Amino acid sequence: MPEKSQKIRKAILPVAGFGTRFLPATKAQPKEMLPVVDKPVVQYIVEDLAAAGIEEVIFITGRGKRALEDHFDTSYELEDTLVQKNKTELLASVKNIPNLARFSYVRQKTPRGNGDALLQAAHLINNEPVLVVFGDCLYDAEVSTVRQLLDAYEKFQGPIIGLTEIPKEDVSKFGVVAGNKIDDKYLEITKFVEKPKMEDAPSNIVAPGMYILTPEIFEMLEEVDKSGKEGELGLDDAFNAMLARDKKIYGCLLDGEWLDTGDKFSFIKATIHMGLKHPEVGEKLAEYLKSLKG
C-alpha cells in the first residue's frame, strides 16, 4: 500500500473508443472532442484535473484520435491570427490549453477493453497511485469530483471507485457495486458487476467512470491478462480479483450533477445544462427554452 505522503500527480484518460453511438459525427473526429457549448468534453475534464493539482495527463488513444493531440498542443497560426485581429480574450483561452498539464499519448493497438487500455500506460505510472477518468464523464459540482476522489484517497489510502445512484432500469449500461456503508458518502465495496441485467444488479449504485487506482490494480490486470482470459480485459476483472483475495476497495458517492455524455440524448441534456450556465448564451437559451413550452 502506498505511503500516506504519496501525492497523486498523474491521471489517465482512456479515449480509444470509436464513439459509435454518435455516428456519423464521430466518423472523422473523436467523440471526446464533441463540443459542449464552446469546449470539447475532454477539455472540461482536463481543466478539473489541473485545478485539483494533477500535473501529468496520459491519454490512451486509438486510430482517428489525432485531433486530441492537436487540441492540447500549441497552434501558432491560430494564435498569430488572433493577435492580428486583437481578439485578446480568445487568445488567452487558446494559449492556456497546452499549459494545463504535461501531456503524454499512448496508443491502444486493438480494442480489448478498458483494462487493456490502462495496461498500455502502466510503464508511465512508476508504481504510483493514479487517477483515471473516462472521456465522457462530465460533472457539474461545487467541489470538483476530481477533488472529491483525491480527498477520499487521502482518507482511505486504497483504490477508490467514484459512484452515483441512478434509476434501476438504467443499470445495465454501467458497472454496478454493492458494499457496506461507512457513512453517507463512503462504502467499502463487496461486489462489482459489469453491465448486469436489471434483475441481477446488486444495487442501483454505479461507476460513471472515475477511479483512483493503486499499483495493485495494475498487478491484478496483468495477472488476469496472463491467465489466458478470452475476450476483453476490463477493470471489473481486476476489481473482482482483488475482492476475491479480501483486498479493500472503497467507493465514494460523488456530490454534484453527473452530465453523462455517452449517448445522444444525454449529450444534448449536458449541452443545455452547461449552456444555461454560460455567461454568453445562458440568458438567451433560457428564454428560448421557455418559448418552446408554449
C-alpha atoms as a PDB file:
ATOM      1  CA  MET A   1       0.000   0.000   0.000  1.00  0.00           C
ATOM      2  CA  PRO A   2       1.352   3.452  -0.885  1.00  0.00           C
ATOM      3  CA  GLU A   3       2.632   5.708   1.858  1.00  0.00           C
ATOM      4  CA  LYS A   4       0.379   8.446   3.077  1.00  0.00           C
ATOM      5  CA  SER A   5       2.718  11.140   1.817  1.00  0.00           C
ATOM      6  CA  GLN A   6       2.493   9.896  -1.768  1.00  0.00           C
ATOM      7  CA  LYS A   7       0.766  12.565  -3.845  1.00  0.00           C
ATOM      8  CA  ILE A   8      -1.316  11.666  -6.874  1.00  0.00           C
ATOM      9  CA  ARG A   9       0.321  13.571  -9.718  1.00  0.00           C
ATOM     10  CA  LYS A  10      -0.883  11.711 -12.802  1.00  0.00           C
ATOM     11  CA  ALA A  11      -4.183  10.949 -14.485  1.00  0.00           C
ATOM     12  CA  ILE A  12      -5.065   8.530 -17.268  1.00  0.00           C
ATOM     13  CA  LEU A  13      -7.835   9.318 -19.742  1.00  0.00           C
ATOM     14  CA  PRO A  14      -8.810   6.267 -21.817  1.00  0.00           C
ATOM     15  CA  VAL A  15     -10.170   7.746 -25.068  1.00  0.00           C
ATOM     16  CA  ALA A  16      -9.571   4.960 -27.605  1.00  0.00           C
ATOM     17  CA  GLY A  17     -13.239   4.088 -28.229  1.00  0.00           C
ATOM     18  CA  PHE A  18     -14.849   4.515 -31.635  1.00  0.00           C
ATOM     19  CA  GLY A  19     -17.836   6.575 -30.418  1.00  0.00           C
ATOM     20  CA  THR A  20     -20.284   4.532 -32.487  1.00  0.00           C
ATOM     21  CA  ARG A  21     -23.309   5.977 -30.650  1.00  0.00           C
ATOM     22  CA  PHE A  22     -22.542   9.332 -32.258  1.00  0.00           C
ATOM     23  CA  LEU A  23     -22.010   8.238 -35.855  1.00  0.00           C
ATOM     24  CA  PRO A  24     -21.778   9.815 -38.351  1.00  0.00           C
ATOM     25  CA  ALA A  25     -20.472  12.789 -36.274  1.00  0.00           C
ATOM     26  CA  THR A  26     -17.594  10.640 -34.951  1.00  0.00           C
ATOM     27  CA  LYS A  27     -16.595   9.146 -38.297  1.00  0.00           C
ATOM     28  CA  ALA A  28     -13.628  11.533 -38.545  1.00  0.00           C
ATOM     29  CA  GLN A  29     -13.371  13.082 -35.062  1.00  0.00           C
ATOM     30  CA  PRO A  30     -13.124  11.663 -31.534  1.00  0.00           C
ATOM     31  CA  LYS A  31     -16.349  11.697 -29.522  1.00  0.00           C
ATOM     32  CA  GLU A  32     -14.372  13.315 -26.687  1.00  0.00           C
ATOM     33  CA  MET A  33     -13.847  16.323 -28.961  1.00  0.00           C
ATOM     34  CA  LEU A  34     -17.568  16.934 -29.500  1.00  0.00           C
ATOM     35  CA  PRO A  35     -18.305  20.411 -28.090  1.00  0.00           C
ATOM     36  CA  VAL A  36     -20.490  21.107 -25.090  1.00  0.00           C
ATOM     37  CA  VAL A  37     -21.296  24.774 -25.799  1.00  0.00           C
ATOM     38  CA  ASP A  38     -17.808  26.041 -26.721  1.00  0.00           C
ATOM     39  CA  LYS A  39     -15.397  23.466 -25.293  1.00  0.00           C
ATOM     40  CA  PRO A  40     -14.906  19.784 -26.064  1.00  0.00           C
ATOM     41  CA  VAL A  41     -15.976  17.403 -23.316  1.00  0.00           C
ATOM     42  CA  VAL A  42     -12.403  16.325 -22.684  1.00  0.00           C
ATOM     43  CA  GLN A  43     -11.252  19.889 -22.021  1.00  0.00           C
ATOM     44  CA  TYR A  44     -13.736  20.261 -19.148  1.00  0.00           C
ATOM     45  CA  ILE A  45     -12.263  17.097 -17.644  1.00  0.00           C
ATOM     46  CA  VAL A  46      -8.646  18.193 -18.089  1.00  0.00           C
ATOM     47  CA  GLU A  47      -9.411  21.606 -16.567  1.00  0.00           C
ATOM     48  CA  ASP A  48     -10.839  19.892 -13.476  1.00  0.00           C
ATOM     49  CA  LEU A  49      -7.732  17.696 -13.255  1.00  0.00           C
ATOM     50  CA  ALA A  50      -5.415  20.692 -13.498  1.00  0.00           C
ATOM     51  CA  ALA A  51      -7.396  22.697 -10.922  1.00  0.00           C
ATOM     52  CA  ALA A  52      -7.052  19.797  -8.461  1.00  0.00           C
ATOM     53  CA  GLY A  53      -3.268  19.696  -8.858  1.00  0.00           C
ATOM     54  CA  ILE A  54      -2.798  16.906 -11.408  1.00  0.00           C
ATOM     55  CA  GLU A  55       0.471  17.584 -13.216  1.00  0.00           C
ATOM     56  CA  GLU A  56       0.509  14.961 -15.980  1.00  0.00           C
ATOM     57  CA  VAL A  57      -2.312  13.651 -18.168  1.00  0.00           C
ATOM     58  CA  ILE A  58      -1.830  10.417 -20.105  1.00  0.00           C
ATOM     59  CA  PHE A  59      -4.242   9.823 -22.975  1.00  0.00           C
ATOM     60  CA  ILE A  60      -4.853   6.244 -24.129  1.00  0.00           C
ATOM     61  CA  THR A  61      -5.740   6.787 -27.765  1.00  0.00           C
ATOM     62  CA  GLY A  62      -6.504   4.767 -30.884  1.00  0.00           C
ATOM     63  CA  ARG A  63      -6.846   5.349 -34.580  1.00  0.00           C
ATOM     64  CA  GLY A  64      -8.551   8.594 -35.552  1.00  0.00           C
ATOM     65  CA  LYS A  65      -7.700  10.440 -32.324  1.00  0.00           C
ATOM     66  CA  ARG A  66      -5.122  12.881 -33.692  1.00  0.00           C
ATOM     67  CA  ALA A  67      -7.470  15.830 -33.068  1.00  0.00           C
ATOM     68  CA  LEU A  68      -6.965  15.292 -29.322  1.00  0.00           C
ATOM     69  CA  GLU A  69      -3.228  15.774 -29.652  1.00  0.00           C
ATOM     70  CA  ASP A  70      -3.701  18.859 -31.800  1.00  0.00           C
ATOM     71  CA  HIS A  71      -6.184  20.373 -29.345  1.00  0.00           C
ATOM     72  CA  PHE A  72      -3.779  20.150 -26.397  1.00  0.00           C
ATOM     73  CA  ASP A  73      -0.850  21.408 -28.463  1.00  0.00           C
ATOM     74  CA  THR A  74       0.113  24.975 -29.383  1.00  0.00           C
ATOM     75  CA  SER A  75      -1.430  26.368 -32.572  1.00  0.00           C
ATOM     76  CA  TYR A  76       0.949  29.102 -33.684  1.00  0.00           C
ATOM     77  CA  GLU A  77      -1.029  30.010 -36.796  1.00  0.00           C
ATOM     78  CA  LEU A  78      -4.273  30.411 -34.869  1.00  0.00           C
ATOM     79  CA  GLU A  79      -2.600  32.424 -32.122  1.00  0.00           C
ATOM     80  CA  ASP A  80      -0.976  34.724 -34.675  1.00  0.00           C
ATOM     81  CA  THR A  81      -4.339  35.296 -36.365  1.00  0.00           C
ATOM     82  CA  LEU A  82      -5.977  36.163 -33.031  1.00  0.00           C
ATOM     83  CA  VAL A  83      -3.159  38.598 -32.222  1.00  0.00           C
ATOM     84  CA  GLN A  84      -3.588  40.342 -35.563  1.00  0.00           C
ATOM     85  CA  LYS A  85      -7.335  40.646 -35.004  1.00  0.00           C
ATOM     86  CA  ASN A  86      -6.798  41.870 -31.423  1.00  0.00           C
ATOM     87  CA  LYS A  87      -9.009  39.101 -30.005  1.00  0.00           C
ATOM     88  CA  THR A  88      -7.155  39.039 -26.689  1.00  0.00           C
ATOM     89  CA  GLU A  89      -9.754  37.130 -24.680  1.00  0.00           C
ATOM     90  CA  LEU A  90      -9.961  34.314 -27.212  1.00  0.00           C
ATOM     91  CA  LEU A  91      -6.179  34.301 -27.493  1.00  0.00           C
ATOM     92  CA  ALA A  92      -5.808  33.801 -23.739  1.00  0.00           C
ATOM     93  CA  SER A  93      -8.295  30.910 -23.714  1.00  0.00           C
ATOM     94  CA  VAL A  94      -6.492  29.155 -26.570  1.00  0.00           C
ATOM     95  CA  LYS A  95      -2.946  29.734 -25.259  1.00  0.00           C
ATOM     96  CA  ASN A  96      -3.842  28.295 -21.850  1.00  0.00           C
ATOM     97  CA  ILE A  97      -4.893  24.867 -23.144  1.00  0.00           C
ATOM     98  CA  PRO A  98      -1.385  23.378 -23.706  1.00  0.00           C
ATOM     99  CA  ASN A  99      -0.299  24.675 -20.282  1.00  0.00           C
ATOM    100  CA  LEU A 100      -2.973  22.848 -18.279  1.00  0.00           C
ATOM    101  CA  ALA A 101      -0.653  19.865 -17.724  1.00  0.00           C
ATOM    102  CA  ARG A 102       2.092  17.787 -19.286  1.00  0.00           C
ATOM    103  CA  PHE A 103       0.504  15.525 -21.878  1.00  0.00           C
ATOM    104  CA  SER A 104       1.516  12.033 -22.984  1.00  0.00           C
ATOM    105  CA  TYR A 105      -0.146   9.806 -25.570  1.00  0.00           C
ATOM    106  CA  VAL A 106      -0.144   6.006 -25.688  1.00  0.00           C
ATOM    107  CA  ARG A 107      -1.984   4.082 -28.375  1.00  0.00           C
ATOM    108  CA  GLN A 108      -4.124   1.013 -27.670  1.00  0.00           C
ATOM    109  CA  LYS A 109      -3.466  -1.151 -30.714  1.00  0.00           C
ATOM    110  CA  THR A 110      -6.646  -3.248 -30.569  1.00  0.00           C
ATOM    111  CA  PRO A 111      -9.951  -2.606 -28.725  1.00  0.00           C
ATOM    112  CA  ARG A 112      -9.525  -5.180 -25.960  1.00  0.00           C
ATOM    113  CA  GLY A 113     -11.377  -3.366 -23.179  1.00  0.00           C
ATOM    114  CA  ASN A 114     -10.645  -0.645 -20.639  1.00  0.00           C
ATOM    115  CA  GLY A 115      -8.361  -2.880 -18.571  1.00  0.00           C
ATOM    116  CA  ASP A 116      -6.133  -3.489 -21.572  1.00  0.00           C
ATOM    117  CA  ALA A 117      -6.176   0.246 -22.326  1.00  0.00           C
ATOM    118  CA  LEU A 118      -4.876   1.022 -18.839  1.00  0.00           C
ATOM    119  CA  LEU A 119      -2.102  -1.552 -19.120  1.00  0.00           C
ATOM    120  CA  GLN A 120      -0.778   0.338 -22.143  1.00  0.00           C
ATOM    121  CA  ALA A 121       0.134   3.182 -19.766  1.00  0.00           C
ATOM    122  CA  ALA A 122       1.458   1.066 -16.887  1.00  0.00           C
ATOM    123  CA  HIS A 123       5.082   1.857 -17.766  1.00  0.00           C
ATOM    124  CA  LEU A 124       4.383   5.576 -17.241  1.00  0.00           C
ATOM    125  CA  ILE A 125       2.921   5.207 -13.752  1.00  0.00           C
ATOM    126  CA  ASN A 126       6.092   4.193 -11.838  1.00  0.00           C
ATOM    127  CA  ASN A 127       4.382   2.302  -9.031  1.00  0.00           C
ATOM    128  CA  GLU A 128       2.230   5.292  -8.072  1.00  0.00           C
ATOM    129  CA  PRO A 129      -1.481   5.693  -7.370  1.00  0.00           C
ATOM    130  CA  VAL A 130      -3.158   7.275 -10.391  1.00  0.00           C
ATOM    131  CA  LEU A 131      -6.445   8.954 -11.183  1.00  0.00           C
ATOM    132  CA  VAL A 132      -8.463   7.509 -14.080  1.00  0.00           C
ATOM    133  CA  VAL A 133     -11.285   9.442 -15.755  1.00  0.00           C
ATOM    134  CA  PHE A 134     -13.126   8.213 -18.823  1.00  0.00           C
ATOM    135  CA  GLY A 135     -13.527  10.746 -21.598  1.00  0.00           C
ATOM    136  CA  ASP A 136     -17.318  11.084 -21.380  1.00  0.00           C
ATOM    137  CA  CYS A 137     -17.554  11.502 -17.592  1.00  0.00           C
ATOM    138  CA  LEU A 138     -18.552  15.147 -17.125  1.00  0.00           C
ATOM    139  CA  TYR A 139     -19.755  16.574 -13.797  1.00  0.00           C
ATOM    140  CA  ASP A 140     -21.085  19.916 -12.624  1.00  0.00           C
ATOM    141  CA  ALA A 141     -20.120  20.061  -8.966  1.00  0.00           C
ATOM    142  CA  GLU A 142     -19.451  22.761  -6.374  1.00  0.00           C
ATOM    143  CA  VAL A 143     -16.371  20.805  -5.272  1.00  0.00           C
ATOM    144  CA  SER A 144     -14.929  19.087  -8.325  1.00  0.00           C
ATOM    145  CA  THR A 145     -15.366  15.332  -8.423  1.00  0.00           C
ATOM    146  CA  VAL A 146     -11.615  15.033  -9.010  1.00  0.00           C
ATOM    147  CA  ARG A 147     -11.013  16.818  -5.708  1.00  0.00           C
ATOM    148  CA  GLN A 148     -13.592  14.571  -4.008  1.00  0.00           C
ATOM    149  CA  LEU A 149     -11.761  11.439  -5.156  1.00  0.00           C
ATOM    150  CA  LEU A 150      -8.381  12.795  -4.107  1.00  0.00           C
ATOM    151  CA  ASP A 151      -9.809  13.573  -0.661  1.00  0.00           C
ATOM    152  CA  ALA A 152     -11.211  10.034  -0.471  1.00  0.00           C
ATOM    153  CA  TYR A 153      -7.786   8.615  -1.279  1.00  0.00           C
ATOM    154  CA  GLU A 154      -6.233  10.729   1.463  1.00  0.00           C
ATOM    155  CA  LYS A 155      -8.746   9.216   3.852  1.00  0.00           C
ATOM    156  CA  PHE A 156      -8.530   5.526   2.875  1.00  0.00           C
ATOM    157  CA  GLN A 157      -5.161   5.103   1.103  1.00  0.00           C
ATOM    158  CA  GLY A 158      -6.614   2.460  -1.200  1.00  0.00           C
ATOM    159  CA  PRO A 159      -8.385   2.051  -4.551  1.00  0.00           C
ATOM    160  CA  ILE A 160     -11.401   4.361  -4.879  1.00  0.00           C
ATOM    161  CA  ILE A 161     -14.356   3.973  -7.236  1.00  0.00           C
ATOM    162  CA  GLY A 162     -16.379   7.120  -7.905  1.00  0.00           C
ATOM    163  CA  LEU A 163     -20.079   6.271  -7.570  1.00  0.00           C
ATOM    164  CA  THR A 164     -23.513   7.673  -8.274  1.00  0.00           C
ATOM    165  CA  GLU A 165     -27.088   6.447  -7.873  1.00  0.00           C
ATOM    166  CA  ILE A 166     -29.262   6.030 -10.964  1.00  0.00           C
ATOM    167  CA  PRO A 167     -32.724   4.623 -11.739  1.00  0.00           C
ATOM    168  CA  LYS A 168     -32.686   0.837 -11.501  1.00  0.00           C
ATOM    169  CA  GLU A 169     -33.843   0.452 -15.111  1.00  0.00           C
ATOM    170  CA  ASP A 170     -30.581   2.031 -16.359  1.00  0.00           C
ATOM    171  CA  VAL A 171     -28.083  -0.167 -14.501  1.00  0.00           C
ATOM    172  CA  SER A 172     -27.419  -2.468 -17.464  1.00  0.00           C
ATOM    173  CA  LYS A 173     -25.292   0.289 -19.077  1.00  0.00           C
ATOM    174  CA  PHE A 174     -22.776   0.542 -16.232  1.00  0.00           C
ATOM    175  CA  GLY A 175     -20.619  -1.219 -13.668  1.00  0.00           C
ATOM    176  CA  VAL A 176     -22.743  -1.746 -10.547  1.00  0.00           C
ATOM    177  CA  VAL A 177     -21.479  -2.152  -6.978  1.00  0.00           C
ATOM    178  CA  ALA A 178     -22.678  -3.487  -3.667  1.00  0.00           C
ATOM    179  CA  GLY A 179     -20.958  -2.582  -0.431  1.00  0.00           C
ATOM    180  CA  ASN A 180     -21.029  -1.902   3.270  1.00  0.00           C
ATOM    181  CA  LYS A 181     -21.851   1.679   4.172  1.00  0.00           C
ATOM    182  CA  ILE A 182     -19.103   3.522   6.042  1.00  0.00           C
ATOM    183  CA  ASP A 183     -21.051   6.790   6.193  1.00  0.00           C
ATOM    184  CA  ASP A 184     -23.310   8.819   3.909  1.00  0.00           C
ATOM    185  CA  LYS A 185     -20.523   9.319   1.356  1.00  0.00           C
ATOM    186  CA  TYR A 186     -18.302   6.238   1.504  1.00  0.00           C
ATOM    187  CA  LEU A 187     -18.719   2.494   1.024  1.00  0.00           C
ATOM    188  CA  GLU A 188     -16.457  -0.493   1.366  1.00  0.00           C
ATOM    189  CA  ILE A 189     -17.088  -2.380  -1.877  1.00  0.00           C
ATOM    190  CA  THR A 190     -18.029  -6.059  -1.623  1.00  0.00           C
ATOM    191  CA  LYS A 191     -19.155  -6.737  -5.194  1.00  0.00           C
ATOM    192  CA  PHE A 192     -18.640  -5.261  -8.667  1.00  0.00           C
ATOM    193  CA  VAL A 193     -20.788  -6.416 -11.593  1.00  0.00           C
ATOM    194  CA  GLU A 194     -20.232  -5.057 -15.094  1.00  0.00           C
ATOM    195  CA  LYS A 195     -23.435  -4.196 -17.008  1.00  0.00           C
ATOM    196  CA  PRO A 196     -25.798  -6.648 -15.303  1.00  0.00           C
ATOM    197  CA  LYS A 197     -29.411  -7.217 -16.247  1.00  0.00           C
ATOM    198  CA  MET A 198     -31.706  -5.085 -14.113  1.00  0.00           C
ATOM    199  CA  GLU A 199     -32.965  -8.122 -12.201  1.00  0.00           C
ATOM    200  CA  ASP A 200     -29.400  -9.269 -11.458  1.00  0.00           C
ATOM    201  CA  ALA A 201     -27.990  -5.915 -10.325  1.00  0.00           C
ATOM    202  CA  PRO A 202     -26.877  -5.876  -6.675  1.00  0.00           C
ATOM    203  CA  SER A 203     -27.936  -2.201  -6.299  1.00  0.00           C
ATOM    204  CA  ASN A 204     -28.604   0.961  -8.287  1.00  0.00           C
ATOM    205  CA  ILE A 205     -25.210   2.437  -7.400  1.00  0.00           C
ATOM    206  CA  VAL A 206     -22.967   2.602 -10.455  1.00  0.00           C
ATOM    207  CA  ALA A 207     -19.482   3.679 -11.517  1.00  0.00           C
ATOM    208  CA  PRO A 208     -19.788   6.574 -14.008  1.00  0.00           C
ATOM    209  CA  GLY A 209     -16.108   6.359 -14.960  1.00  0.00           C
ATOM    210  CA  MET A 210     -13.856   7.935 -12.300  1.00  0.00           C
ATOM    211  CA  TYR A 211     -11.365   5.954 -10.225  1.00  0.00           C
ATOM    212  CA  ILE A 212      -8.201   6.137  -8.207  1.00  0.00           C
ATOM    213  CA  LEU A 213      -6.152   3.027  -8.926  1.00  0.00           C
ATOM    214  CA  THR A 214      -3.224   1.785  -6.860  1.00  0.00           C
ATOM    215  CA  PRO A 215      -0.335  -0.314  -8.233  1.00  0.00           C
ATOM    216  CA  GLU A 216      -2.134  -3.448  -7.013  1.00  0.00           C
ATOM    217  CA  ILE A 217      -4.851  -2.895  -9.616  1.00  0.00           C
ATOM    218  CA  PHE A 218      -2.292  -2.913 -12.421  1.00  0.00           C
ATOM    219  CA  GLU A 219      -0.743  -6.075 -10.977  1.00  0.00           C
ATOM    220  CA  MET A 220      -4.158  -7.737 -10.973  1.00  0.00           C
ATOM    221  CA  LEU A 221      -4.828  -6.649 -14.556  1.00  0.00           C
ATOM    222  CA  GLU A 222      -1.512  -8.136 -15.681  1.00  0.00           C
ATOM    223  CA  GLU A 223      -2.220 -11.339 -13.778  1.00  0.00           C
ATOM    224  CA  VAL A 224      -5.691 -11.751 -15.285  1.00  0.00           C
ATOM    225  CA  ASP A 225      -4.334 -10.927 -18.748  1.00  0.00           C
ATOM    226  CA  LYS A 226      -1.557 -13.533 -18.472  1.00  0.00           C
ATOM    227  CA  SER A 227      -4.037 -16.137 -17.255  1.00  0.00           C
ATOM    228  CA  GLY A 228      -5.305 -16.516 -20.837  1.00  0.00           C
ATOM    229  CA  LYS A 229      -8.576 -14.656 -20.365  1.00  0.00           C
ATOM    230  CA  GLU A 230     -10.587 -14.592 -23.575  1.00  0.00           C
ATOM    231  CA  GLY A 231     -12.347 -11.505 -24.873  1.00  0.00           C
ATOM    232  CA  GLU A 232     -11.989  -8.014 -23.411  1.00  0.00           C
ATOM    233  CA  LEU A 233      -9.948  -7.265 -20.317  1.00  0.00           C
ATOM    234  CA  GLY A 234     -11.916  -4.949 -18.040  1.00  0.00           C
ATOM    235  CA  LEU A 235     -11.340  -3.061 -14.825  1.00  0.00           C
ATOM    236  CA  ASP A 236     -14.059  -5.243 -13.342  1.00  0.00           C
ATOM    237  CA  ASP A 237     -11.731  -8.246 -13.774  1.00  0.00           C
ATOM    238  CA  ALA A 238      -9.104  -6.567 -11.599  1.00  0.00           C
ATOM    239  CA  PHE A 239     -11.634  -5.382  -9.016  1.00  0.00           C
ATOM    240  CA  ASN A 240     -13.151  -8.840  -8.643  1.00  0.00           C
ATOM    241  CA  ALA A 241      -9.727 -10.478  -8.437  1.00  0.00           C
ATOM    242  CA  MET A 242      -8.860  -8.121  -5.573  1.00  0.00           C
ATOM    243  CA  LEU A 243     -12.155  -8.696  -3.792  1.00  0.00           C
ATOM    244  CA  ALA A 244     -11.678 -12.467  -4.095  1.00  0.00           C
ATOM    245  CA  ARG A 245      -8.451 -12.024  -2.122  1.00  0.00           C
ATOM    246  CA  ASP A 246     -10.132  -9.903   0.545  1.00  0.00           C
ATOM    247  CA  LYS A 247      -8.361  -6.728  -0.600  1.00  0.00           C
ATOM    248  CA  LYS A 248     -10.042  -3.428   0.256  1.00  0.00           C
ATOM    249  CA  ILE A 249     -11.711  -1.301  -2.417  1.00  0.00           C
ATOM    250  CA  TYR A 250     -13.656   1.801  -1.442  1.00  0.00           C
ATOM    251  CA  GLY A 251     -16.484   3.705  -3.079  1.00  0.00           C
ATOM    252  CA  CYS A 252     -17.087   7.450  -2.955  1.00  0.00           C
ATOM    253  CA  LEU A 253     -20.583   8.750  -3.737  1.00  0.00           C
ATOM    254  CA  LEU A 254     -19.875  11.828  -5.819  1.00  0.00           C
ATOM    255  CA  ASP A 255     -21.605  15.112  -4.973  1.00  0.00           C
ATOM    256  CA  GLY A 256     -22.750  17.076  -7.992  1.00  0.00           C
ATOM    257  CA  GLU A 257     -24.729  16.574 -11.161  1.00  0.00           C
ATOM    258  CA  TRP A 258     -23.484  13.872 -13.474  1.00  0.00           C
ATOM    259  CA  LEU A 259     -23.724  15.054 -17.069  1.00  0.00           C
ATOM    260  CA  ASP A 260     -23.346  11.753 -18.882  1.00  0.00           C
ATOM    261  CA  THR A 261     -22.226  12.444 -22.451  1.00  0.00           C
ATOM    262  CA  GLY A 262     -22.134   8.815 -23.562  1.00  0.00           C
ATOM    263  CA  ASP A 263     -25.243   8.862 -25.761  1.00  0.00           C
ATOM    264  CA  LYS A 264     -27.076  11.405 -27.924  1.00  0.00           C
ATOM    265  CA  PHE A 265     -29.896  12.323 -25.550  1.00  0.00           C
ATOM    266  CA  SER A 266     -27.610  12.631 -22.514  1.00  0.00           C
ATOM    267  CA  PHE A 267     -25.200  14.729 -24.570  1.00  0.00           C
ATOM    268  CA  ILE A 268     -27.975  17.132 -25.551  1.00  0.00           C
ATOM    269  CA  LYS A 269     -29.058  17.423 -21.898  1.00  0.00           C
ATOM    270  CA  ALA A 270     -25.465  18.137 -20.847  1.00  0.00           C
ATOM    271  CA  THR A 271     -25.173  20.832 -23.513  1.00  0.00           C
ATOM    272  CA  ILE A 272     -28.385  22.502 -22.343  1.00  0.00           C
ATOM    273  CA  HIS A 273     -27.271  22.309 -18.698  1.00  0.00           C
ATOM    274  CA  MET A 274     -23.889  23.903 -19.400  1.00  0.00           C
ATOM    275  CA  GLY A 275     -25.413  26.336 -21.891  1.00  0.00           C
ATOM    276  CA  LEU A 276     -27.762  27.726 -19.247  1.00  0.00           C
ATOM    277  CA  LYS A 277     -24.728  28.466 -17.045  1.00  0.00           C
ATOM    278  CA  HIS A 278     -22.686  30.038 -19.835  1.00  0.00           C
ATOM    279  CA  PRO A 279     -22.330  33.839 -19.449  1.00  0.00           C
ATOM    280  CA  GLU A 280     -22.575  34.487 -23.179  1.00  0.00           C
ATOM    281  CA  VAL A 281     -25.597  32.372 -24.126  1.00  0.00           C
ATOM    282  CA  GLY A 282     -27.270  31.341 -20.850  1.00  0.00           C
ATOM    283  CA  GLU A 283     -29.951  34.045 -20.729  1.00  0.00           C
ATOM    284  CA  LYS A 284     -30.845  33.697 -24.391  1.00  0.00           C
ATOM    285  CA  LEU A 285     -31.030  29.912 -24.083  1.00  0.00           C
ATOM    286  CA  ALA A 286     -33.318  30.137 -21.042  1.00  0.00           C
ATOM    287  CA  GLU A 287     -35.661  32.467 -22.935  1.00  0.00           C
ATOM    288  CA  TYR A 288     -35.662  30.154 -25.923  1.00  0.00           C
ATOM    289  CA  LEU A 289     -36.477  27.091 -23.828  1.00  0.00           C
ATOM    290  CA  LYS A 290     -39.365  28.961 -22.188  1.00  0.00           C
ATOM    291  CA  SER A 291     -40.711  29.853 -25.620  1.00  0.00           C
ATOM    292  CA  LEU A 292     -40.862  26.164 -26.553  1.00  0.00           C
ATOM    293  CA  LYS A 293     -43.312  25.472 -23.728  1.00  0.00           C
ATOM    294  CA  GLY A 294     -45.925  27.269 -25.494  1.00  0.00           C
END
